[in-house]
Protein backbone atom coordinates (compact mmCIF):
# COMPACT_ATOMS: atom_id res chain seq x y z
CA MET A 1 -59.45 36.76 -62.22
CA ILE A 2 -57.57 34.07 -64.09
CA ALA A 3 -55.93 31.43 -61.90
CA LEU A 4 -52.46 30.27 -62.86
CA GLU A 5 -52.13 26.52 -62.87
CA ILE A 6 -48.66 25.42 -61.84
CA THR A 7 -47.71 22.37 -63.86
CA GLY A 8 -44.72 20.07 -63.63
CA SER A 9 -42.82 22.06 -66.23
CA TYR A 10 -42.54 25.00 -63.81
CA TYR A 11 -40.87 22.74 -61.27
CA LEU A 12 -38.53 21.32 -63.90
CA ILE A 13 -37.52 24.82 -65.01
CA LEU A 14 -36.88 25.76 -61.38
CA ALA A 15 -34.80 22.61 -60.89
CA ALA A 16 -32.77 23.37 -64.02
CA LEU A 17 -32.19 26.92 -62.81
CA LEU A 18 -31.08 25.73 -59.36
CA PHE A 19 -28.78 23.13 -60.88
CA THR A 20 -27.24 25.72 -63.20
CA ILE A 21 -26.63 28.13 -60.32
CA GLY A 22 -24.97 25.33 -58.36
CA ALA A 23 -22.80 24.23 -61.27
CA VAL A 24 -21.64 27.77 -62.04
CA GLY A 25 -20.92 28.39 -58.37
CA LEU A 26 -18.93 25.16 -58.17
CA LEU A 27 -16.82 26.05 -61.20
CA VAL A 28 -16.26 29.72 -60.37
CA ARG A 29 -15.71 29.85 -56.61
CA ARG A 30 -12.55 28.62 -54.89
CA ASN A 31 -13.79 28.68 -51.29
CA VAL A 32 -14.38 25.13 -50.08
CA LEU A 33 -17.51 25.96 -48.07
CA VAL A 34 -19.13 27.74 -51.01
CA MET A 35 -18.26 24.84 -53.30
CA PHE A 36 -19.75 22.46 -50.76
CA MET A 37 -23.00 24.46 -50.64
CA CYS A 38 -23.13 24.49 -54.45
CA VAL A 39 -22.93 20.70 -54.55
CA GLU A 40 -25.77 20.51 -52.04
CA LEU A 41 -27.80 22.93 -54.17
CA MET A 42 -27.25 20.70 -57.18
CA LEU A 43 -28.36 17.63 -55.21
CA ASN A 44 -31.53 19.41 -54.12
CA ALA A 45 -32.26 20.39 -57.72
CA VAL A 46 -31.99 16.73 -58.71
CA ASN A 47 -34.30 15.80 -55.84
CA LEU A 48 -36.85 18.33 -57.05
CA THR A 49 -36.66 16.75 -60.50
CA PHE A 50 -37.20 13.26 -59.06
CA VAL A 51 -40.24 14.39 -57.06
CA THR A 52 -41.68 16.25 -60.06
CA PHE A 53 -41.41 13.24 -62.33
CA ALA A 54 -42.82 11.01 -59.60
CA LYS A 55 -45.86 13.29 -59.38
CA MET A 56 -46.24 13.60 -63.16
CA LEU A 57 -45.96 9.85 -63.76
CA ASP A 58 -47.96 8.81 -60.69
CA ASP A 59 -45.12 6.61 -59.47
CA VAL A 60 -43.38 6.49 -56.10
CA THR A 61 -40.02 5.42 -57.53
CA GLY A 62 -38.85 9.03 -57.76
CA GLN A 63 -39.65 9.60 -54.11
CA VAL A 64 -37.72 6.47 -53.14
CA LEU A 65 -34.74 7.77 -55.13
CA VAL A 66 -35.01 11.07 -53.23
CA PHE A 67 -34.82 9.16 -49.96
CA PHE A 68 -31.60 7.42 -51.03
CA THR A 69 -30.15 10.64 -52.45
CA LEU A 70 -30.77 12.40 -49.13
CA ALA A 71 -29.08 9.54 -47.28
CA VAL A 72 -26.01 9.81 -49.52
CA ALA A 73 -26.03 13.61 -49.15
CA ALA A 74 -26.09 13.27 -45.35
CA ALA A 75 -23.05 10.98 -45.47
CA GLU A 76 -21.34 13.41 -47.83
CA VAL A 77 -22.02 16.29 -45.44
CA ALA A 78 -20.52 14.37 -42.52
CA VAL A 79 -17.33 13.42 -44.38
CA GLY A 80 -17.01 16.70 -46.29
CA LEU A 81 -17.41 18.90 -43.24
CA ALA A 82 -14.88 16.79 -41.34
CA ILE A 83 -12.33 17.37 -44.10
CA ILE A 84 -13.13 21.09 -44.24
CA VAL A 85 -12.77 21.43 -40.46
CA ALA A 86 -9.43 19.60 -40.63
CA ILE A 87 -8.20 22.09 -43.24
CA PHE A 88 -9.48 25.09 -41.26
CA ARG A 89 -7.64 23.89 -38.16
CA ARG A 90 -4.33 23.96 -39.99
CA ARG A 91 -4.93 27.26 -41.83
CA SER A 92 -7.07 30.30 -41.22
CA GLY A 93 -8.73 30.14 -44.64
CA ALA A 94 -9.27 27.28 -47.02
CA THR A 95 -9.45 27.11 -50.79
CA ALA A 96 -9.79 24.17 -53.12
CA ASP A 97 -6.02 24.21 -53.66
CA ASP A 98 -5.33 23.54 -49.97
CA LEU A 99 -6.16 19.84 -50.05
CA ASP A 100 -2.46 18.94 -50.22
CA VAL A 101 -2.22 20.20 -46.60
CA LEU A 102 -3.87 16.98 -45.44
CA LYS A 103 -1.04 14.79 -46.75
CA GLY A 104 0.82 12.94 -44.00
């Protein structure tokens, strides 16, 4: 039986596929929650790329960048979900066009 060796290129292809799915979902969908999840999917694809290059180059810089990216993503989730909840409280559904509801 021939063993399949998984190299870094497999991870990079997976990351490119995940990023593409997230970008298409962000551009096509109008629901705010789905758009929010697509942005998170894109961030995780970038994190996978950072970790892959860190492993391939034998350098921890990529893993440090992942740590900072996750910290920024956590802050984005806190602020983004607060805005989404504020929109949902005023209306039953929310689309990307409903952001003008938050004006004074």
